[in-house]
Amino acid sequence: MKKIAMVSQTMRGKTEQEILQTREKAVTTLIEKGYEVLNTYFDDDEQDLKQKGFENVPLYHLAKSLEEMSKCHAVYFCKGWENARGCKIEHETAKAYGLNMIYEKD
């Protein structure tokens, strides 16, 4: 059976390049550990989502992330996760549902 994981990372205040670099490092680590990694980087246009009726875009992305988490055996938490509300919710969810939690090392 293949092992599936996702990445939980802070995004607020970061450029797309910074987000993708952090994600790439996390994905590499997970692949080395034998995981298939789901893409939980959602780059939906905020205005398009609002026009579709999604008032709270960060909550929309969190909901999509939690849906993907339901397919996972593990979640990789990047540095700073404890300072981001979405990451903290993902952490509590992973813990409550018994997923393997992997933390970025220095």
PDB file of N, CA and C in Angstrom:
ATOM      1  N   MET A   1       0.837  -1.180   0.000  1.00  0.00           N
ATOM      2  CA  MET A   1       0.000   0.000   0.000  1.00  0.00           C
ATOM      3  C   MET A   1       0.885   1.247   0.000  1.00  0.00           C
ATOM      4  N   LYS A   2       0.583   2.184  -0.881  1.00  0.00           N
ATOM      5  CA  LYS A   2       1.376   3.403  -0.932  1.00  0.00           C
ATOM      6  C   LYS A   2       1.015   4.327   0.222  1.00  0.00           C
ATOM      7  N   LYS A   3       2.016   5.044   0.708  1.00  0.00           N
ATOM      8  CA  LYS A   3       1.814   6.008   1.782  1.00  0.00           C
ATOM      9  C   LYS A   3       1.616   7.380   1.142  1.00  0.00           C
ATOM     10  N   ILE A   4       0.614   8.104   1.630  1.00  0.00           N
ATOM     11  CA  ILE A   4       0.286   9.410   1.064  1.00  0.00           C
ATOM     12  C   ILE A   4       0.449  10.474   2.139  1.00  0.00           C
ATOM     13  N   ALA A   5       1.000  11.619   1.736  1.00  0.00           N
ATOM     14  CA  ALA A   5       1.209  12.722   2.671  1.00  0.00           C
ATOM     15  C   ALA A   5       0.855  14.048   2.004  1.00  0.00           C
ATOM     16  N   MET A   6       0.727  15.069   2.845  1.00  0.00           N
ATOM     17  CA  MET A   6       0.523  16.433   2.368  1.00  0.00           C
ATOM     18  C   MET A   6       1.429  17.359   3.168  1.00  0.00           C
ATOM     19  N   VAL A   7       1.568  18.580   2.678  1.00  0.00           N
ATOM     20  CA  VAL A   7       2.417  19.581   3.316  1.00  0.00           C
ATOM     21  C   VAL A   7       1.540  20.667   3.920  1.00  0.00           C
ATOM     22  N   SER A   8       1.836  21.026   5.162  1.00  0.00           N
ATOM     23  CA  SER A   8       1.185  22.150   5.833  1.00  0.00           C
ATOM     24  C   SER A   8       2.246  23.232   6.006  1.00  0.00           C
ATOM     25  N   GLN A   9       1.991  24.408   5.426  1.00  0.00           N
ATOM     26  CA  GLN A   9       2.989  25.465   5.475  1.00  0.00           C
ATOM     27  C   GLN A   9       2.328  26.834   5.584  1.00  0.00           C
ATOM     28  N   THR A  10       3.060  27.771   6.171  1.00  0.00           N
ATOM     29  CA  THR A  10       2.560  29.139   6.262  1.00  0.00           C
ATOM     30  C   THR A  10       2.659  29.795   4.893  1.00  0.00           C
ATOM     31  N   MET A  11       1.697  30.659   4.596  1.00  0.00           N
ATOM     32  CA  MET A  11       1.690  31.343   3.306  1.00  0.00           C
ATOM     33  C   MET A  11       1.544  32.856   3.451  1.00  0.00           C
ATOM     34  N   ARG A  12       0.884  33.286   4.504  1.00  0.00           N
ATOM     35  CA  ARG A  12       0.640  34.717   4.684  1.00  0.00           C
ATOM     36  C   ARG A  12       1.968  35.475   4.747  1.00  0.00           C
ATOM     37  N   GLY A  13       2.058  36.537   3.944  1.00  0.00           N
ATOM     38  CA  GLY A  13       3.248  37.375   3.944  1.00  0.00           C
ATOM     39  C   GLY A  13       4.419  36.818   3.158  1.00  0.00           C
ATOM     40  N   LYS A  14       4.214  35.723   2.438  1.00  0.00           N
ATOM     41  CA  LYS A  14       5.296  35.113   1.656  1.00  0.00           C
ATOM     42  C   LYS A  14       4.992  35.262   0.169  1.00  0.00           C
ATOM     43  N   THR A  15       6.049  35.359  -0.611  1.00  0.00           N
ATOM     44  CA  THR A  15       5.875  35.411  -2.061  1.00  0.00           C
ATOM     45  C   THR A  15       5.571  34.008  -2.573  1.00  0.00           C
ATOM     46  N   GLU A  16       5.042  33.942  -3.780  1.00  0.00           N
ATOM     47  CA  GLU A  16       4.776  32.633  -4.379  1.00  0.00           C
ATOM     48  C   GLU A  16       6.070  31.835  -4.495  1.00  0.00           C
ATOM     49  N   GLN A  17       7.163  32.516  -4.831  1.00  0.00           N
ATOM     50  CA  GLN A  17       8.460  31.841  -4.954  1.00  0.00           C
ATOM     51  C   GLN A  17       8.892  31.248  -3.615  1.00  0.00           C
ATOM     52  N   GLU A  18       8.740  31.994  -2.526  1.00  0.00           N
ATOM     53  CA  GLU A  18       9.110  31.486  -1.199  1.00  0.00           C
ATOM     54  C   GLU A  18       8.258  30.277  -0.822  1.00  0.00           C
ATOM     55  N   ILE A  19       6.972  30.364  -1.112  1.00  0.00           N
ATOM     56  CA  ILE A  19       6.059  29.258  -0.809  1.00  0.00           C
ATOM     57  C   ILE A  19       6.473  28.005  -1.576  1.00  0.00           C
ATOM     58  N   LEU A  20       6.729  28.169  -2.868  1.00  0.00           N
ATOM     59  CA  LEU A  20       7.071  27.016  -3.702  1.00  0.00           C
ATOM     60  C   LEU A  20       8.433  26.425  -3.338  1.00  0.00           C
ATOM     61  N   GLN A  21       9.395  27.263  -2.951  1.00  0.00           N
ATOM     62  CA  GLN A  21      10.705  26.749  -2.528  1.00  0.00           C
ATOM     63  C   GLN A  21      10.577  25.916  -1.253  1.00  0.00           C
ATOM     64  N   THR A  22       9.812  26.424  -0.294  1.00  0.00           N
ATOM     65  CA  THR A  22       9.594  25.687   0.954  1.00  0.00           C
ATOM     66  C   THR A  22       8.890  24.371   0.664  1.00  0.00           C
ATOM     67  N   ARG A  23       7.892  24.438  -0.186  1.00  0.00           N
ATOM     68  CA  ARG A  23       7.124  23.244  -0.543  1.00  0.00           C
ATOM     69  C   ARG A  23       8.009  22.207  -1.233  1.00  0.00           C
ATOM     70  N   GLU A  24       8.849  22.657  -2.147  1.00  0.00           N
ATOM     71  CA  GLU A  24       9.733  21.738  -2.880  1.00  0.00           C
ATOM     72  C   GLU A  24      10.648  20.978  -1.922  1.00  0.00           C
ATOM     73  N   LYS A  25      11.190  21.679  -0.950  1.00  0.00           N
ATOM     74  CA  LYS A  25      12.057  21.047   0.052  1.00  0.00           C
ATOM     75  C   LYS A  25      11.274  19.993   0.845  1.00  0.00           C
ATOM     76  N   ALA A  26      10.049  20.339   1.244  1.00  0.00           N
ATOM     77  CA  ALA A  26       9.211  19.407   2.005  1.00  0.00           C
ATOM     78  C   ALA A  26       8.856  18.181   1.169  1.00  0.00           C
ATOM     79  N   VAL A  27       8.487  18.403  -0.082  1.00  0.00           N
ATOM     80  CA  VAL A  27       8.122  17.297  -0.971  1.00  0.00           C
ATOM     81  C   VAL A  27       9.307  16.354  -1.156  1.00  0.00           C
ATOM     82  N   THR A  28      10.498  16.908  -1.339  1.00  0.00           N
ATOM     83  CA  THR A  28      11.701  16.082  -1.492  1.00  0.00           C
ATOM     84  C   THR A  28      11.905  15.201  -0.264  1.00  0.00           C
ATOM     85  N   THR A  29      11.763  15.787   0.915  1.00  0.00           N
ATOM     86  CA  THR A  29      11.915  15.021   2.158  1.00  0.00           C
ATOM     87  C   THR A  29      10.892  13.896   2.228  1.00  0.00           C
ATOM     88  N   LEU A  30       9.646  14.199   1.890  1.00  0.00           N
ATOM     89  CA  LEU A  30       8.592  13.181   1.957  1.00  0.00           C
ATOM     90  C   LEU A  30       8.823  12.056   0.950  1.00  0.00           C
ATOM     91  N   ILE A  31       9.242  12.403  -0.245  1.00  0.00           N
ATOM     92  CA  ILE A  31       9.525  11.376  -1.256  1.00  0.00           C
ATOM     93  C   ILE A  31      10.652  10.469  -0.782  1.00  0.00           C
ATOM     94  N   GLU A  32      11.682  11.067  -0.172  1.00  0.00           N
ATOM     95  CA  GLU A  32      12.790  10.269   0.372  1.00  0.00           C
ATOM     96  C   GLU A  32      12.313   9.314   1.463  1.00  0.00           C
ATOM     97  N   LYS A  33      11.238   9.679   2.157  1.00  0.00           N
ATOM     98  CA  LYS A  33      10.670   8.828   3.207  1.00  0.00           C
ATOM     99  C   LYS A  33       9.660   7.826   2.644  1.00  0.00           C
ATOM    100  N   GLY A  34       9.474   7.838   1.321  1.00  0.00           N
ATOM    101  CA  GLY A  34       8.606   6.860   0.682  1.00  0.00           C
ATOM    102  C   GLY A  34       7.160   7.277   0.502  1.00  0.00           C
ATOM    103  N   TYR A  35       6.875   8.562   0.628  1.00  0.00           N
ATOM    104  CA  TYR A  35       5.500   9.043   0.486  1.00  0.00           C
ATOM    105  C   TYR A  35       5.223   9.568  -0.919  1.00  0.00           C
ATOM    106  N   GLU A  36       3.985   9.401  -1.331  1.00  0.00           N
ATOM    107  CA  GLU A  36       3.448  10.119  -2.479  1.00  0.00           C
ATOM    108  C   GLU A  36       2.859  11.397  -1.889  1.00  0.00           C
ATOM    109  N   VAL A  37       3.099  12.543  -2.511  1.00  0.00           N
ATOM    110  CA  VAL A  37       2.686  13.817  -1.926  1.00  0.00           C
ATOM    111  C   VAL A  37       1.543  14.437  -2.729  1.00  0.00           C
ATOM    112  N   LEU A  38       0.453  14.743  -2.028  1.00  0.00           N
ATOM    113  CA  LEU A  38      -0.681  15.408  -2.661  1.00  0.00           C
ATOM    114  C   LEU A  38      -0.402  16.897  -2.796  1.00  0.00           C
ATOM    115  N   ASN A  39      -0.926  17.501  -3.844  1.00  0.00           N
ATOM    116  CA  ASN A  39      -0.749  18.936  -4.047  1.00  0.00           C
ATOM    117  C   ASN A  39      -1.810  19.695  -3.254  1.00  0.00           C
ATOM    118  N   THR A  40      -1.377  20.373  -2.212  1.00  0.00           N
ATOM    119  CA  THR A  40      -2.296  21.200  -1.424  1.00  0.00           C
ATOM    120  C   THR A  40      -1.923  22.673  -1.537  1.00  0.00           C
ATOM    121  N   TYR A  41      -1.250  23.034  -2.619  1.00  0.00           N
ATOM    122  CA  TYR A  41      -0.989  24.442  -2.907  1.00  0.00           C
ATOM    123  C   TYR A  41      -2.072  24.898  -3.867  1.00  0.00           C
ATOM    124  N   PHE A  42      -3.007  25.664  -3.345  1.00  0.00           N
ATOM    125  CA  PHE A  42      -4.144  26.130  -4.134  1.00  0.00           C
ATOM    126  C   PHE A  42      -3.895  27.576  -4.533  1.00  0.00           C
ATOM    127  N   ASP A  43      -3.863  27.836  -5.830  1.00  0.00           N
ATOM    128  CA  ASP A  43      -3.582  29.190  -6.303  1.00  0.00           C
ATOM    129  C   ASP A  43      -4.793  29.818  -6.983  1.00  0.00           C
ATOM    130  N   ASP A  44      -5.979  29.479  -6.481  1.00  0.00           N
ATOM    131  CA  ASP A  44      -7.207  30.047  -7.028  1.00  0.00           C
ATOM    132  C   ASP A  44      -7.184  31.569  -6.892  1.00  0.00           C
ATOM    133  N   ASP A  45      -7.717  32.259  -7.875  1.00  0.00           N
ATOM    134  CA  ASP A  45      -7.803  33.711  -7.834  1.00  0.00           C
ATOM    135  C   ASP A  45      -8.874  34.140  -6.824  1.00  0.00           C
ATOM    136  N   GLU A  46      -8.468  34.984  -5.877  1.00  0.00           N
ATOM    137  CA  GLU A  46      -9.375  35.397  -4.805  1.00  0.00           C
ATOM    138  C   GLU A  46     -10.631  36.078  -5.344  1.00  0.00           C
ATOM    139  N   GLN A  47     -10.478  36.946  -6.325  1.00  0.00           N
ATOM    140  CA  GLN A  47     -11.643  37.649  -6.876  1.00  0.00           C
ATOM    141  C   GLN A  47     -12.600  36.679  -7.570  1.00  0.00           C
ATOM    142  N   ASP A  48     -12.055  35.714  -8.295  1.00  0.00           N
ATOM    143  CA  ASP A  48     -12.906  34.703  -8.940  1.00  0.00           C
ATOM    144  C   ASP A  48     -13.711  33.929  -7.902  1.00  0.00           C
ATOM    145  N   LEU A  49     -13.058  33.557  -6.805  1.00  0.00           N
ATOM    146  CA  LEU A  49     -13.754  32.811  -5.756  1.00  0.00           C
ATOM    147  C   LEU A  49     -14.846  33.659  -5.120  1.00  0.00           C
ATOM    148  N   LYS A  50     -14.562  34.930  -4.896  1.00  0.00           N
ATOM    149  CA  LYS A  50     -15.577  35.817  -4.302  1.00  0.00           C
ATOM    150  C   LYS A  50     -16.766  35.972  -5.244  1.00  0.00           C
ATOM    151  N   GLN A  51     -16.489  36.045  -6.541  1.00  0.00           N
ATOM    152  CA  GLN A  51     -17.580  36.143  -7.512  1.00  0.00           C
ATOM    153  C   GLN A  51     -18.429  34.876  -7.522  1.00  0.00           C
ATOM    154  N   LYS A  52     -17.826  33.757  -7.160  1.00  0.00           N
ATOM    155  CA  LYS A  52     -18.560  32.487  -7.085  1.00  0.00           C
ATOM    156  C   LYS A  52     -19.280  32.325  -5.753  1.00  0.00           C
ATOM    157  N   GLY A  53     -19.146  33.328  -4.860  1.00  0.00           N
ATOM    158  CA  GLY A  53     -19.875  33.290  -3.601  1.00  0.00           C
ATOM    159  C   GLY A  53     -19.067  32.870  -2.388  1.00  0.00           C
ATOM    160  N   PHE A  54     -17.771  32.644  -2.544  1.00  0.00           N
ATOM    161  CA  PHE A  54     -16.928  32.265  -1.403  1.00  0.00           C
ATOM    162  C   PHE A  54     -16.431  33.537  -0.726  1.00  0.00           C
ATOM    163  N   GLU A  55     -17.054  33.894   0.375  1.00  0.00           N
ATOM    164  CA  GLU A  55     -16.739  35.142   1.071  1.00  0.00           C
ATOM    165  C   GLU A  55     -15.410  35.069   1.814  1.00  0.00           C
ATOM    166  N   ASN A  56     -15.127  33.922   2.430  1.00  0.00           N
ATOM    167  CA  ASN A  56     -13.913  33.772   3.229  1.00  0.00           C
ATOM    168  C   ASN A  56     -12.963  32.822   2.494  1.00  0.00           C
ATOM    169  N   VAL A  57     -12.088  33.394   1.680  1.00  0.00           N
ATOM    170  CA  VAL A  57     -11.203  32.595   0.826  1.00  0.00           C
ATOM    171  C   VAL A  57     -10.222  31.740   1.635  1.00  0.00           C
ATOM    172  N   PRO A  58      -9.599  32.270   2.710  1.00  0.00           N
ATOM    173  CA  PRO A  58      -8.724  31.397   3.497  1.00  0.00           C
ATOM    174  C   PRO A  58      -9.464  30.177   4.064  1.00  0.00           C
ATOM    175  N   LEU A  59     -10.702  30.362   4.485  1.00  0.00           N
ATOM    176  CA  LEU A  59     -11.492  29.239   4.994  1.00  0.00           C
ATOM    177  C   LEU A  59     -11.803  28.245   3.874  1.00  0.00           C
ATOM    178  N   TYR A  60     -12.061  28.747   2.685  1.00  0.00           N
ATOM    179  CA  TYR A  60     -12.281  27.895   1.518  1.00  0.00           C
ATOM    180  C   TYR A  60     -11.052  27.009   1.271  1.00  0.00           C
ATOM    181  N   HIS A  61      -9.864  27.625   1.319  1.00  0.00           N
ATOM    182  CA  HIS A  61      -8.638  26.853   1.096  1.00  0.00           C
ATOM    183  C   HIS A  61      -8.393  25.842   2.216  1.00  0.00           C
ATOM    184  N   LEU A  62      -8.703  26.217   3.451  1.00  0.00           N
ATOM    185  CA  LEU A  62      -8.561  25.280   4.570  1.00  0.00           C
ATOM    186  C   LEU A  62      -9.481  24.078   4.370  1.00  0.00           C
ATOM    187  N   ALA A  63     -10.708  24.330   3.933  1.00  0.00           N
ATOM    188  CA  ALA A  63     -11.654  23.233   3.692  1.00  0.00           C
ATOM    189  C   ALA A  63     -11.122  22.282   2.617  1.00  0.00           C
ATOM    190  N   LYS A  64     -10.552  22.841   1.547  1.00  0.00           N
ATOM    191  CA  LYS A  64      -9.967  21.998   0.495  1.00  0.00           C
ATOM    192  C   LYS A  64      -8.791  21.191   1.043  1.00  0.00           C
ATOM    193  N   SER A  65      -7.992  21.829   1.881  1.00  0.00           N
ATOM    194  CA  SER A  65      -6.839  21.159   2.473  1.00  0.00           C
ATOM    195  C   SER A  65      -7.278  20.002   3.368  1.00  0.00           C
ATOM    196  N   LEU A  66      -8.306  20.227   4.175  1.00  0.00           N
ATOM    197  CA  LEU A  66      -8.807  19.158   5.049  1.00  0.00           C
ATOM    198  C   LEU A  66      -9.391  18.009   4.234  1.00  0.00           C
ATOM    199  N   GLU A  67     -10.015  18.330   3.113  1.00  0.00           N
ATOM    200  CA  GLU A  67     -10.521  17.273   2.231  1.00  0.00           C
ATOM    201  C   GLU A  67      -9.360  16.413   1.729  1.00  0.00           C
ATOM    202  N   GLU A  68      -8.276  17.054   1.323  1.00  0.00           N
ATOM    203  CA  GLU A  68      -7.100  16.311   0.871  1.00  0.00           C
ATOM    204  C   GLU A  68      -6.487  15.516   2.014  1.00  0.00           C
ATOM    205  N   MET A  69      -6.502  16.072   3.229  1.00  0.00           N
ATOM    206  CA  MET A  69      -5.946  15.383   4.390  1.00  0.00           C
ATOM    207  C   MET A  69      -6.654  14.051   4.623  1.00  0.00           C
ATOM    208  N   SER A  70      -7.928  13.969   4.263  1.00  0.00           N
ATOM    209  CA  SER A  70      -8.671  12.722   4.472  1.00  0.00           C
ATOM    210  C   SER A  70      -8.119  11.573   3.629  1.00  0.00           C
ATOM    211  N   LYS A  71      -7.276  11.876   2.662  1.00  0.00           N
ATOM    212  CA  LYS A  71      -6.647  10.863   1.811  1.00  0.00           C
ATOM    213  C   LYS A  71      -5.257  10.466   2.314  1.00  0.00           C
ATOM    214  N   CYS A  72      -4.782  11.136   3.371  1.00  0.00           N
ATOM    215  CA  CYS A  72      -3.378  11.025   3.789  1.00  0.00           C
ATOM    216  C   CYS A  72      -3.143  10.096   4.969  1.00  0.00           C
ATOM    217  N   HIS A  73      -1.914   9.603   5.009  1.00  0.00           N
ATOM    218  CA  HIS A  73      -1.404   8.863   6.160  1.00  0.00           C
ATOM    219  C   HIS A  73      -0.558   9.772   7.040  1.00  0.00           C
ATOM    220  N   ALA A  74      -0.036  10.867   6.449  1.00  0.00           N
ATOM    221  CA  ALA A  74       0.878  11.748   7.177  1.00  0.00           C
ATOM    222  C   ALA A  74       0.730  13.190   6.704  1.00  0.00           C
ATOM    223  N   VAL A  75       1.142  14.100   7.593  1.00  0.00           N
ATOM    224  CA  VAL A  75       1.210  15.525   7.257  1.00  0.00           C
ATOM    225  C   VAL A  75       2.587  16.031   7.663  1.00  0.00           C
ATOM    226  N   TYR A  76       3.225  16.748   6.747  1.00  0.00           N
ATOM    227  CA  TYR A  76       4.535  17.350   6.995  1.00  0.00           C
ATOM    228  C   TYR A  76       4.307  18.810   7.354  1.00  0.00           C
ATOM    229  N   PHE A  77       4.757  19.219   8.545  1.00  0.00           N
ATOM    230  CA  PHE A  77       4.576  20.588   9.011  1.00  0.00           C
ATOM    231  C   PHE A  77       5.873  21.367   8.842  1.00  0.00           C
ATOM    232  N   CYS A  78       5.816  22.402   8.006  1.00  0.00           N
ATOM    233  CA  CYS A  78       6.975  23.256   7.774  1.00  0.00           C
ATOM    234  C   CYS A  78       7.169  24.204   8.953  1.00  0.00           C
ATOM    235  N   LYS A  79       8.402  24.691   9.103  1.00  0.00           N
ATOM    236  CA  LYS A  79       8.713  25.635  10.175  1.00  0.00           C
ATOM    237  C   LYS A  79       7.722  26.788  10.161  1.00  0.00           C
ATOM    238  N   GLY A  80       7.304  27.192  11.351  1.00  0.00           N
ATOM    239  CA  GLY A  80       6.375  28.302  11.482  1.00  0.00           C
ATOM    240  C   GLY A  80       4.913  27.896  11.500  1.00  0.00           C
ATOM    241  N   TRP A  81       4.633  26.599  11.354  1.00  0.00           N
ATOM    242  CA  TRP A  81       3.242  26.145  11.308  1.00  0.00           C
ATOM    243  C   TRP A  81       2.469  26.602  12.541  1.00  0.00           C
ATOM    244  N   GLU A  82       3.166  26.653  13.695  1.00  0.00           N
ATOM    245  CA  GLU A  82       2.479  26.972  14.950  1.00  0.00           C
ATOM    246  C   GLU A  82       2.027  28.431  15.020  1.00  0.00           C
ATOM    247  N   ASN A  83       2.422  29.248  14.047  1.00  0.00           N
ATOM    248  CA  ASN A  83       2.036  30.659  14.018  1.00  0.00           C
ATOM    249  C   ASN A  83       0.954  30.958  12.985  1.00  0.00           C
ATOM    250  N   ALA A  84       0.472  29.954  12.301  1.00  0.00           N
ATOM    251  CA  ALA A  84      -0.523  30.154  11.242  1.00  0.00           C
ATOM    252  C   ALA A  84      -1.816  29.434  11.613  1.00  0.00           C
ATOM    253  N   ARG A  85      -2.912  30.162  11.606  1.00  0.00           N
ATOM    254  CA  ARG A  85      -4.183  29.578  12.073  1.00  0.00           C
ATOM    255  C   ARG A  85      -4.592  28.340  11.281  1.00  0.00           C
ATOM    256  N   GLY A  86      -4.427  28.354   9.958  1.00  0.00           N
ATOM    257  CA  GLY A  86      -4.787  27.185   9.165  1.00  0.00           C
ATOM    258  C   GLY A  86      -3.919  25.982   9.484  1.00  0.00           C
ATOM    259  N   CYS A  87      -2.629  26.221   9.646  1.00  0.00           N
ATOM    260  CA  CYS A  87      -1.705  25.131   9.986  1.00  0.00           C
ATOM    261  C   CYS A  87      -2.017  24.563  11.364  1.00  0.00           C
ATOM    262  N   LYS A  88      -2.378  25.431  12.303  1.00  0.00           N
ATOM    263  CA  LYS A  88      -2.723  24.948  13.648  1.00  0.00           C
ATOM    264  C   LYS A  88      -3.967  24.062  13.597  1.00  0.00           C
ATOM    265  N   ILE A  89      -4.930  24.435  12.777  1.00  0.00           N
ATOM    266  CA  ILE A  89      -6.136  23.611  12.626  1.00  0.00           C
ATOM    267  C   ILE A  89      -5.779  22.284  11.955  1.00  0.00           C
ATOM    268  N   GLU A  90      -4.933  22.337  10.932  1.00  0.00           N
ATOM    269  CA  GLU A  90      -4.488  21.100  10.281  1.00  0.00           C
ATOM    270  C   GLU A  90      -3.748  20.211  11.276  1.00  0.00           C
ATOM    271  N   HIS A  91      -2.933  20.803  12.135  1.00  0.00           N
ATOM    272  CA  HIS A  91      -2.181  20.041  13.135  1.00  0.00           C
ATOM    273  C   HIS A  91      -3.126  19.354  14.114  1.00  0.00           C
ATOM    274  N   GLU A  92      -4.087  20.092  14.637  1.00  0.00           N
ATOM    275  CA  GLU A  92      -5.045  19.504  15.582  1.00  0.00           C
ATOM    276  C   GLU A  92      -5.863  18.399  14.919  1.00  0.00           C
ATOM    277  N   THR A  93      -6.210  18.603  13.660  1.00  0.00           N
ATOM    278  CA  THR A  93      -6.974  17.597  12.921  1.00  0.00           C
ATOM    279  C   THR A  93      -6.138  16.337  12.711  1.00  0.00           C
ATOM    280  N   ALA A  94      -4.897  16.511  12.284  1.00  0.00           N
ATOM    281  CA  ALA A  94      -4.010  15.356  12.076  1.00  0.00           C
ATOM    282  C   ALA A  94      -3.828  14.585  13.372  1.00  0.00           C
ATOM    283  N   LYS A  95      -3.647  15.304  14.467  1.00  0.00           N
ATOM    284  CA  LYS A  95      -3.472  14.656  15.773  1.00  0.00           C
ATOM    285  C   LYS A  95      -4.747  13.920  16.184  1.00  0.00           C
ATOM    286  N   ALA A  96      -5.889  14.569  16.036  1.00  0.00           N
ATOM    287  CA  ALA A  96      -7.165  13.973  16.452  1.00  0.00           C
ATOM    288  C   ALA A  96      -7.505  12.719  15.656  1.00  0.00           C
ATOM    289  N   TYR A  97      -7.067  12.672  14.394  1.00  0.00           N
ATOM    290  CA  TYR A  97      -7.407  11.537  13.543  1.00  0.00           C
ATOM    291  C   TYR A  97      -6.254  10.553  13.375  1.00  0.00           C
ATOM    292  N   GLY A  98      -5.204  10.716  14.160  1.00  0.00           N
ATOM    293  CA  GLY A  98      -4.135   9.727  14.216  1.00  0.00           C
ATOM    294  C   GLY A  98      -3.203   9.670  13.024  1.00  0.00           C
ATOM    295  N   LEU A  99      -3.066  10.770  12.295  1.00  0.00           N
ATOM    296  CA  LEU A  99      -2.127  10.781  11.178  1.00  0.00           C
ATOM    297  C   LEU A  99      -0.704  10.927  11.702  1.00  0.00           C
ATOM    298  N   ASN A 100       0.241  10.405  10.953  1.00  0.00           N
ATOM    299  CA  ASN A 100       1.648  10.579  11.288  1.00  0.00           C
ATOM    300  C   ASN A 100       2.003  12.047  11.056  1.00  0.00           C
ATOM    301  N   MET A 101       2.647  12.677  12.030  1.00  0.00           N
ATOM    302  CA  MET A 101       3.020  14.080  11.908  1.00  0.00           C
ATOM    303  C   MET A 101       4.535  14.183  11.812  1.00  0.00           C
ATOM    304  N   ILE A 102       4.991  14.797  10.743  1.00  0.00           N
ATOM    305  CA  ILE A 102       6.417  14.957  10.469  1.00  0.00           C
ATOM    306  C   ILE A 102       6.716  16.453  10.507  1.00  0.00           C
ATOM    307  N   TYR A 103       7.815  16.818  11.164  1.00  0.00           N
ATOM    308  CA  TYR A 103       8.147  18.227  11.331  1.00  0.00           C
ATOM    309  C   TYR A 103       9.450  18.563  10.625  1.00  0.00           C
ATOM    310  N   GLU A 104       9.468  19.722   9.967  1.00  0.00           N
ATOM    311  CA  GLU A 104      10.686  20.196   9.316  1.00  0.00           C
ATOM    312  C   GLU A 104      11.759  20.423  10.367  1.00  0.00           C
ATOM    313  N   LYS A 105      12.946  19.946  10.062  1.00  0.00           N
ATOM    314  CA  LYS A 105      14.083  20.130  10.967  1.00  0.00           C
ATOM    315  C   LYS A 105      14.908  21.313  10.504  1.00  0.00           C
ATOM    316  N   ASP A 106      15.709  21.838  11.422  1.00  0.00           N
ATOM    317  CA  ASP A 106      16.572  22.988  11.087  1.00  0.00           C
ATOM    318  C   ASP A 106      17.608  22.614  10.059  1.00  0.00           C
TER     319      ASP A 106
END
